[in-house]
Protein backbone atom coordinates (compact mmCIF):
# COMPACT_ATOMS: atom_id res chain seq x y z
CA MET A 1 91.88 116.51 36.35
CA LYS A 2 92.83 116.74 32.70
CA VAL A 3 91.43 118.37 29.57
CA ASP A 4 89.10 116.08 27.59
CA GLU A 5 87.94 114.29 30.73
CA MET A 6 84.35 114.23 31.97
CA ILE A 7 83.54 115.01 35.57
CA THR A 8 80.32 114.57 37.51
CA LEU A 9 79.50 116.83 40.36
CA ASN A 10 77.58 116.01 43.51
CA ASP A 11 74.41 117.37 42.01
CA GLY A 12 74.64 114.74 39.22
CA LYS A 13 75.46 117.09 36.43
CA SER A 14 78.30 116.12 34.12
CA TYR A 15 80.82 118.44 32.50
CA GLY A 16 83.47 117.95 29.77
CA LEU A 17 86.75 119.73 30.46
CA LEU A 18 87.71 121.81 27.46
CA LEU A 19 90.65 123.89 28.56
CA ASP A 20 92.83 124.43 31.49
CA THR A 21 94.94 127.39 32.56
CA GLU A 22 97.09 128.40 35.42
CA ILE A 23 96.39 131.92 36.76
CA GLU A 24 98.26 133.38 39.68
CA SER A 25 95.52 132.27 42.06
CA GLY A 26 95.29 128.63 40.91
CA LYS A 27 94.43 126.16 38.18
CA TYR A 28 91.18 126.73 36.31
CA PHE A 29 89.16 124.61 33.79
CA LEU A 30 86.65 125.73 31.24
CA ALA A 31 83.94 123.22 31.24
CA VAL A 32 80.79 122.52 29.14
CA LEU A 33 77.62 120.99 30.56
CA LEU A 34 76.78 117.65 29.01
CA ASN A 35 73.26 116.53 28.43
CA SER A 36 71.86 113.09 29.28
CA LYS A 37 73.43 111.66 26.10
CA GLU A 38 76.83 113.06 27.17
CA GLU A 39 76.63 115.66 24.30
CA PRO A 40 77.80 119.23 24.91
CA THR A 41 75.26 122.03 25.50
CA ASN A 42 75.67 125.78 25.22
CA ASN A 43 76.20 126.16 29.05
CA PHE A 44 79.79 126.82 30.18
CA LYS A 45 81.30 127.09 33.60
CA VAL A 46 84.73 127.65 35.06
CA PHE A 47 85.96 125.41 37.88
CA LYS A 48 88.94 126.01 40.14
CA GLU A 49 90.81 122.90 41.02
CA THR A 50 91.89 122.40 44.65
CA ILE A 51 94.01 119.55 45.85
CA LYS A 52 93.86 118.77 49.60
CA ASP A 53 95.13 115.58 51.27
CA ASN A 54 95.69 113.97 47.83
CA GLU A 55 91.98 114.58 46.96
CA THR A 56 90.92 116.75 44.02
CA TYR A 57 88.06 119.11 44.56
CA VAL A 58 86.38 121.64 42.25
CA ASP A 59 84.66 124.88 43.01
CA GLU A 60 82.69 126.94 40.54
CA GLU A 61 84.56 130.18 39.77
CA LYS A 62 82.20 133.12 39.52
CA ASP A 63 84.71 135.78 38.44
CA PRO A 64 83.50 136.90 34.94
CA LEU A 65 87.03 138.01 33.99
CA ILE A 66 88.37 134.48 34.38
CA LEU A 67 85.42 133.01 32.45
CA SER A 68 85.93 135.52 29.69
CA LYS A 69 89.63 134.78 29.42
CA LEU A 70 89.12 130.98 29.26
CA LEU A 71 86.40 131.34 26.62
CA GLU A 72 88.59 133.60 24.58
CA ASP A 73 91.52 131.16 24.81
CA TYR A 74 89.19 128.26 23.92
CA TYR A 75 87.76 129.95 20.80
CA LEU A 76 91.33 130.92 19.70
CA GLN A 77 92.33 127.20 19.96
CA VAL A 78 89.17 126.12 17.96
CA ASP A 79 89.93 128.66 15.22
CA GLU A 80 93.46 127.26 14.89
CA ASP A 81 92.19 123.76 14.35
């Protein structure tokens, strides 16, 4: 998975990947939920990437500290642009 890609989960919801970071416990992505027109909404999630047997899987990360760190990093990047 890479930043600026779109992923679709098994539930049919699509997310745009905004930012990635490596934290000691793995690789995480800040993602924004996309609406039916593939436009970003105000709903953000953090996904943890897992690679097993050359397949990539994502799990929603519920740790609020990781979400907070990724949101802070994202807004810092946006402010620099």
